[in-house]
Amino acid sequence: MSPEPPTGRPLLLAVVELGGYPSFAPLYEAAGYEYVSVTSVRKALAVLKERVPAVVVCEFNFQSDFRDRTSSLESLLAVLQRAPAVRVIVFHEAEHAGQLARLTARFRVHATLAFPIDADRLRAALA
């Protein structure tokens, strides 16, 4: 697996499960990334079998009905632990900051950004 895609630009993998916020594709591309978007953690894991992204941008969707975990994001973060150079940026609802803190205590995350996402903060996290 190569972190550099055929375009020569580093890959940014966005996992947009719920969405409801503006597309940041133009911002990602302006920052020099090849942008690939998937709609589930399962699809993201399939991409990771083929390519190693430079950045993964994903959503923390707290699921209180999970008995042993907080969200499906844990599966993705567990796989990414084998690729320490990958920067992970997590979008989250401010009211779920406590649950996210428990997750980030266990898994390496580059940045967390609360909704509404500030484009300048996202740009800074990508730099």
N, C-alpha and C. Protein backbone atom coordinates (compact mmCIF):
# COMPACT_ATOMS: atom_id res chain seq x y z
N MET A 1 0.84 -1.19 0.00
CA MET A 1 0.00 0.00 0.00
C MET A 1 0.88 1.24 0.00
N SER A 2 0.51 2.18 -0.82
CA SER A 2 1.29 3.41 -0.93
C SER A 2 0.47 4.60 -0.47
N PRO A 3 1.06 5.51 0.30
CA PRO A 3 0.31 6.69 0.73
C PRO A 3 0.12 7.69 -0.40
N GLU A 4 0.91 7.59 -1.44
CA GLU A 4 0.77 8.51 -2.55
C GLU A 4 -0.12 7.89 -3.63
N PRO A 5 -1.26 8.48 -3.93
CA PRO A 5 -2.12 7.96 -4.97
C PRO A 5 -1.54 8.25 -6.35
N PRO A 6 -2.15 7.68 -7.38
CA PRO A 6 -1.65 7.89 -8.74
C PRO A 6 -1.54 9.36 -9.17
N THR A 7 -2.30 10.25 -8.54
CA THR A 7 -2.26 11.66 -8.92
C THR A 7 -0.99 12.34 -8.41
N GLY A 8 -0.28 11.70 -7.49
CA GLY A 8 0.90 12.31 -6.90
C GLY A 8 0.57 13.19 -5.70
N ARG A 9 -0.72 13.40 -5.46
CA ARG A 9 -1.15 14.18 -4.29
C ARG A 9 -1.47 13.23 -3.15
N PRO A 10 -1.24 13.63 -1.91
CA PRO A 10 -1.60 12.76 -0.79
C PRO A 10 -3.12 12.59 -0.73
N LEU A 11 -3.53 11.43 -0.25
CA LEU A 11 -4.95 11.09 -0.18
C LEU A 11 -5.56 11.58 1.13
N LEU A 12 -6.73 12.19 1.02
CA LEU A 12 -7.55 12.52 2.17
C LEU A 12 -8.83 11.70 2.04
N LEU A 13 -9.06 10.85 3.02
CA LEU A 13 -10.25 10.01 3.05
C LEU A 13 -11.25 10.63 4.02
N ALA A 14 -12.42 10.98 3.52
CA ALA A 14 -13.49 11.54 4.35
C ALA A 14 -14.56 10.48 4.56
N VAL A 15 -14.92 10.26 5.82
CA VAL A 15 -15.99 9.33 6.15
C VAL A 15 -17.18 10.18 6.59
N VAL A 16 -18.15 10.30 5.69
CA VAL A 16 -19.32 11.16 5.92
C VAL A 16 -20.52 10.24 6.09
N GLU A 17 -20.79 9.87 7.34
CA GLU A 17 -21.90 8.96 7.61
C GLU A 17 -23.23 9.70 7.72
N LEU A 18 -23.26 10.79 8.48
CA LEU A 18 -24.49 11.54 8.66
C LEU A 18 -24.52 12.82 7.85
N GLY A 19 -23.40 13.49 7.74
CA GLY A 19 -23.34 14.74 6.99
C GLY A 19 -24.15 15.84 7.66
N GLY A 20 -24.85 16.62 6.84
CA GLY A 20 -25.63 17.72 7.38
C GLY A 20 -24.81 18.98 7.54
N TYR A 21 -23.63 19.02 6.96
CA TYR A 21 -22.75 20.18 7.00
C TYR A 21 -22.20 20.38 5.58
N PRO A 22 -21.65 21.55 5.30
CA PRO A 22 -21.17 21.81 3.94
C PRO A 22 -20.06 20.84 3.53
N SER A 23 -19.97 20.61 2.25
CA SER A 23 -18.87 19.79 1.72
C SER A 23 -17.58 20.59 1.81
N PHE A 24 -16.55 19.95 2.35
CA PHE A 24 -15.25 20.59 2.43
C PHE A 24 -14.32 20.13 1.31
N ALA A 25 -14.87 19.46 0.30
CA ALA A 25 -14.06 18.97 -0.82
C ALA A 25 -13.20 20.09 -1.44
N PRO A 26 -13.76 21.27 -1.71
CA PRO A 26 -12.91 22.33 -2.29
C PRO A 26 -11.75 22.73 -1.37
N LEU A 27 -12.00 22.77 -0.06
CA LEU A 27 -10.95 23.10 0.90
C LEU A 27 -9.87 22.02 0.89
N TYR A 28 -10.28 20.74 0.88
CA TYR A 28 -9.32 19.65 0.86
C TYR A 28 -8.46 19.69 -0.40
N GLU A 29 -9.10 19.91 -1.53
CA GLU A 29 -8.37 19.95 -2.80
C GLU A 29 -7.45 21.17 -2.87
N ALA A 30 -7.91 22.31 -2.36
CA ALA A 30 -7.06 23.51 -2.34
C ALA A 30 -5.84 23.31 -1.44
N ALA A 31 -5.98 22.44 -0.43
CA ALA A 31 -4.87 22.14 0.47
C ALA A 31 -3.91 21.13 -0.15
N GLY A 32 -4.22 20.65 -1.36
CA GLY A 32 -3.31 19.76 -2.08
C GLY A 32 -3.60 18.29 -1.97
N TYR A 33 -4.78 17.93 -1.48
CA TYR A 33 -5.12 16.52 -1.30
C TYR A 33 -5.97 16.00 -2.44
N GLU A 34 -5.80 14.72 -2.72
CA GLU A 34 -6.77 14.00 -3.53
C GLU A 34 -7.87 13.59 -2.56
N TYR A 35 -9.11 13.92 -2.87
CA TYR A 35 -10.23 13.73 -1.95
C TYR A 35 -11.05 12.51 -2.36
N VAL A 36 -11.24 11.61 -1.41
CA VAL A 36 -12.11 10.45 -1.60
C VAL A 36 -13.08 10.44 -0.43
N SER A 37 -14.37 10.28 -0.73
CA SER A 37 -15.39 10.27 0.32
C SER A 37 -16.12 8.93 0.31
N VAL A 38 -16.40 8.41 1.50
CA VAL A 38 -17.21 7.20 1.66
C VAL A 38 -18.30 7.50 2.68
N THR A 39 -19.33 6.65 2.69
CA THR A 39 -20.48 6.93 3.54
C THR A 39 -20.59 6.02 4.77
N SER A 40 -19.57 5.21 5.02
CA SER A 40 -19.60 4.35 6.21
C SER A 40 -18.19 3.96 6.62
N VAL A 41 -18.05 3.58 7.87
CA VAL A 41 -16.77 3.09 8.36
C VAL A 41 -16.39 1.81 7.62
N ARG A 42 -17.38 0.98 7.34
CA ARG A 42 -17.12 -0.27 6.62
C ARG A 42 -16.48 0.02 5.26
N LYS A 43 -16.99 1.00 4.54
CA LYS A 43 -16.42 1.37 3.25
C LYS A 43 -15.03 1.99 3.42
N ALA A 44 -14.83 2.74 4.49
CA ALA A 44 -13.52 3.32 4.76
C ALA A 44 -12.49 2.22 5.00
N LEU A 45 -12.89 1.19 5.73
CA LEU A 45 -11.98 0.07 5.98
C LEU A 45 -11.60 -0.63 4.69
N ALA A 46 -12.53 -0.71 3.74
CA ALA A 46 -12.22 -1.30 2.43
C ALA A 46 -11.19 -0.46 1.68
N VAL A 47 -11.32 0.88 1.74
CA VAL A 47 -10.34 1.76 1.10
C VAL A 47 -8.97 1.56 1.73
N LEU A 48 -8.93 1.43 3.05
CA LEU A 48 -7.66 1.28 3.76
C LEU A 48 -6.93 0.00 3.39
N LYS A 49 -7.63 -0.99 2.89
CA LYS A 49 -6.98 -2.22 2.44
C LYS A 49 -6.19 -1.98 1.16
N GLU A 50 -6.58 -0.95 0.41
CA GLU A 50 -5.94 -0.66 -0.87
C GLU A 50 -4.93 0.49 -0.81
N ARG A 51 -5.22 1.49 0.01
CA ARG A 51 -4.40 2.70 0.05
C ARG A 51 -4.31 3.24 1.47
N VAL A 52 -3.19 3.85 1.77
CA VAL A 52 -3.01 4.49 3.07
C VAL A 52 -3.13 6.00 2.86
N PRO A 53 -4.13 6.62 3.44
CA PRO A 53 -4.29 8.07 3.26
C PRO A 53 -3.31 8.84 4.14
N ALA A 54 -3.09 10.08 3.78
CA ALA A 54 -2.30 10.97 4.62
C ALA A 54 -3.17 11.50 5.76
N VAL A 55 -4.47 11.69 5.46
CA VAL A 55 -5.41 12.25 6.43
C VAL A 55 -6.74 11.49 6.32
N VAL A 56 -7.35 11.25 7.47
CA VAL A 56 -8.72 10.74 7.52
C VAL A 56 -9.54 11.76 8.29
N VAL A 57 -10.62 12.22 7.67
CA VAL A 57 -11.57 13.12 8.33
C VAL A 57 -12.84 12.32 8.53
N CYS A 58 -13.30 12.25 9.78
CA CYS A 58 -14.46 11.42 10.08
C CYS A 58 -15.34 12.08 11.13
N GLU A 59 -16.51 11.51 11.31
CA GLU A 59 -17.48 12.03 12.27
C GLU A 59 -17.54 11.11 13.48
N PHE A 60 -17.64 11.71 14.66
CA PHE A 60 -17.92 10.95 15.87
C PHE A 60 -19.41 11.01 16.09
N ASN A 61 -20.08 9.89 15.84
CA ASN A 61 -21.52 9.79 16.03
C ASN A 61 -21.76 8.91 17.24
N PHE A 62 -21.91 9.53 18.40
CA PHE A 62 -22.09 8.80 19.64
C PHE A 62 -23.34 7.94 19.56
N GLN A 63 -23.18 6.67 19.94
CA GLN A 63 -24.29 5.73 19.90
C GLN A 63 -24.44 5.11 21.29
N SER A 64 -25.37 5.61 22.06
CA SER A 64 -25.55 5.16 23.44
C SER A 64 -26.03 3.72 23.53
N ASP A 65 -26.56 3.17 22.44
CA ASP A 65 -27.05 1.80 22.48
C ASP A 65 -25.94 0.76 22.33
N PHE A 66 -24.70 1.19 22.03
CA PHE A 66 -23.58 0.25 21.98
C PHE A 66 -23.18 -0.09 23.41
N ARG A 67 -23.11 -1.35 23.73
CA ARG A 67 -22.80 -1.77 25.09
C ARG A 67 -21.31 -1.62 25.40
N ASP A 68 -20.44 -2.00 24.46
CA ASP A 68 -19.01 -2.05 24.74
C ASP A 68 -18.18 -1.00 24.02
N ARG A 69 -18.80 -0.09 23.28
CA ARG A 69 -18.07 0.97 22.61
C ARG A 69 -18.96 2.19 22.45
N THR A 70 -18.38 3.30 22.00
CA THR A 70 -19.15 4.54 21.89
C THR A 70 -19.66 4.81 20.49
N SER A 71 -18.97 4.27 19.46
CA SER A 71 -19.38 4.49 18.08
C SER A 71 -18.64 3.53 17.17
N SER A 72 -19.07 3.48 15.92
CA SER A 72 -18.38 2.63 14.94
C SER A 72 -17.00 3.19 14.59
N LEU A 73 -16.75 4.42 14.97
CA LEU A 73 -15.45 5.06 14.71
C LEU A 73 -14.31 4.29 15.38
N GLU A 74 -14.60 3.60 16.47
CA GLU A 74 -13.56 2.85 17.17
C GLU A 74 -12.90 1.80 16.28
N SER A 75 -13.67 1.16 15.43
CA SER A 75 -13.11 0.16 14.51
C SER A 75 -12.11 0.80 13.56
N LEU A 76 -12.47 1.95 13.04
CA LEU A 76 -11.59 2.67 12.12
C LEU A 76 -10.31 3.11 12.82
N LEU A 77 -10.45 3.68 14.00
CA LEU A 77 -9.27 4.16 14.73
C LEU A 77 -8.36 3.01 15.13
N ALA A 78 -8.92 1.86 15.44
CA ALA A 78 -8.10 0.70 15.78
C ALA A 78 -7.24 0.28 14.59
N VAL A 79 -7.81 0.26 13.41
CA VAL A 79 -7.04 -0.09 12.21
C VAL A 79 -5.97 0.96 11.93
N LEU A 80 -6.31 2.22 12.12
CA LEU A 80 -5.35 3.30 11.83
C LEU A 80 -4.19 3.34 12.81
N GLN A 81 -4.27 2.66 13.92
CA GLN A 81 -3.15 2.61 14.85
C GLN A 81 -1.93 1.96 14.20
N ARG A 82 -2.16 1.12 13.19
CA ARG A 82 -1.05 0.47 12.47
C ARG A 82 -0.41 1.40 11.45
N ALA A 83 -0.97 2.57 11.27
CA ALA A 83 -0.44 3.56 10.32
C ALA A 83 -0.26 4.89 11.07
N PRO A 84 0.77 5.00 11.89
CA PRO A 84 0.92 6.17 12.76
C PRO A 84 1.13 7.49 12.04
N ALA A 85 1.50 7.47 10.77
CA ALA A 85 1.69 8.72 10.03
C ALA A 85 0.38 9.33 9.57
N VAL A 86 -0.70 8.57 9.60
CA VAL A 86 -2.01 9.07 9.16
C VAL A 86 -2.55 10.02 10.23
N ARG A 87 -2.89 11.24 9.81
CA ARG A 87 -3.51 12.21 10.72
C ARG A 87 -5.01 12.03 10.68
N VAL A 88 -5.63 11.95 11.85
CA VAL A 88 -7.07 11.76 11.96
C VAL A 88 -7.69 13.03 12.52
N ILE A 89 -8.68 13.54 11.80
CA ILE A 89 -9.44 14.72 12.23
C ILE A 89 -10.87 14.27 12.45
N VAL A 90 -11.40 14.54 13.64
CA VAL A 90 -12.74 14.07 13.99
C VAL A 90 -13.67 15.26 14.18
N PHE A 91 -14.80 15.23 13.46
CA PHE A 91 -15.88 16.19 13.66
C PHE A 91 -16.82 15.62 14.71
N HIS A 92 -17.37 16.48 15.59
CA HIS A 92 -18.26 15.98 16.63
C HIS A 92 -19.23 17.05 17.09
N GLU A 93 -20.30 16.58 17.71
CA GLU A 93 -21.26 17.47 18.35
C GLU A 93 -20.66 17.90 19.69
N ALA A 94 -20.76 19.17 20.04
CA ALA A 94 -20.18 19.68 21.28
C ALA A 94 -20.69 18.94 22.51
N GLU A 95 -21.96 18.55 22.50
CA GLU A 95 -22.51 17.85 23.67
C GLU A 95 -21.96 16.44 23.85
N HIS A 96 -21.25 15.93 22.85
CA HIS A 96 -20.64 14.60 22.97
C HIS A 96 -19.14 14.67 23.24
N ALA A 97 -18.66 15.83 23.64
CA ALA A 97 -17.22 16.01 23.89
C ALA A 97 -16.71 15.05 24.97
N GLY A 98 -17.49 14.79 25.97
CA GLY A 98 -17.09 13.87 27.04
C GLY A 98 -16.89 12.45 26.55
N GLN A 99 -17.82 11.98 25.74
CA GLN A 99 -17.70 10.63 25.18
C GLN A 99 -16.53 10.56 24.21
N LEU A 100 -16.32 11.63 23.43
CA LEU A 100 -15.19 11.68 22.51
C LEU A 100 -13.87 11.68 23.27
N ALA A 101 -13.81 12.36 24.39
CA ALA A 101 -12.59 12.39 25.20
C ALA A 101 -12.20 10.99 25.66
N ARG A 102 -13.18 10.17 25.99
CA ARG A 102 -12.88 8.78 26.37
C ARG A 102 -12.26 8.03 25.19
N LEU A 103 -12.75 8.31 24.00
CA LEU A 103 -12.23 7.65 22.80
C LEU A 103 -10.82 8.14 22.48
N THR A 104 -10.60 9.44 22.57
CA THR A 104 -9.27 9.98 22.23
C THR A 104 -8.23 9.65 23.31
N ALA A 105 -8.68 9.24 24.48
CA ALA A 105 -7.73 8.78 25.50
C ALA A 105 -7.17 7.41 25.12
N ARG A 106 -7.91 6.68 24.30
CA ARG A 106 -7.48 5.33 23.88
C ARG A 106 -6.85 5.29 22.50
N PHE A 107 -7.22 6.22 21.63
CA PHE A 107 -6.75 6.21 20.25
C PHE A 107 -6.13 7.55 19.88
N ARG A 108 -5.13 7.51 19.01
CA ARG A 108 -4.42 8.70 18.55
C ARG A 108 -5.30 9.46 17.55
N VAL A 109 -5.52 10.75 17.84
CA VAL A 109 -6.30 11.63 16.98
C VAL A 109 -5.53 12.95 16.85
N HIS A 110 -5.40 13.44 15.63
CA HIS A 110 -4.65 14.68 15.37
C HIS A 110 -5.42 15.91 15.84
N ALA A 111 -6.73 15.96 15.54
CA ALA A 111 -7.53 17.14 15.90
C ALA A 111 -9.00 16.74 16.03
N THR A 112 -9.70 17.44 16.90
CA THR A 112 -11.15 17.31 17.00
C THR A 112 -11.76 18.68 16.79
N LEU A 113 -12.81 18.73 16.01
CA LEU A 113 -13.48 20.00 15.69
C LEU A 113 -14.98 19.84 15.94
N ALA A 114 -15.52 20.72 16.76
CA ALA A 114 -16.95 20.67 17.07
C ALA A 114 -17.77 21.37 15.99
N PHE A 115 -18.97 20.87 15.76
CA PHE A 115 -19.90 21.52 14.84
C PHE A 115 -20.38 22.83 15.44
N PRO A 116 -20.64 23.85 14.64
CA PRO A 116 -20.37 23.92 13.20
C PRO A 116 -18.86 24.03 12.95
N ILE A 117 -18.42 23.36 11.92
CA ILE A 117 -16.98 23.30 11.61
C ILE A 117 -16.52 24.64 11.07
N ASP A 118 -15.49 25.16 11.70
CA ASP A 118 -14.87 26.40 11.26
C ASP A 118 -13.83 26.06 10.18
N ALA A 119 -14.01 26.60 8.98
CA ALA A 119 -13.13 26.26 7.86
C ALA A 119 -11.67 26.63 8.14
N ASP A 120 -11.43 27.73 8.84
CA ASP A 120 -10.05 28.12 9.15
C ASP A 120 -9.39 27.13 10.11
N ARG A 121 -10.14 26.65 11.08
CA ARG A 121 -9.58 25.64 12.01
C ARG A 121 -9.33 24.33 11.29
N LEU A 122 -10.21 23.97 10.36
CA LEU A 122 -10.00 22.75 9.58
C LEU A 122 -8.76 22.90 8.70
N ARG A 123 -8.64 24.04 8.05
CA ARG A 123 -7.46 24.32 7.21
C ARG A 123 -6.18 24.22 8.04
N ALA A 124 -6.20 24.77 9.25
CA ALA A 124 -5.02 24.72 10.13
C ALA A 124 -4.71 23.28 10.53
N ALA A 125 -5.73 22.47 10.77
CA ALA A 125 -5.50 21.06 11.14
C ALA A 125 -4.90 20.27 9.99
N LEU A 126 -5.21 20.70 8.76
CA LEU A 126 -4.66 20.02 7.58
C LEU A 126 -3.25 20.46 7.25
N ALA A 127 -2.85 21.65 7.69
CA ALA A 127 -1.53 22.20 7.34
C ALA A 127 -0.40 21.44 7.99
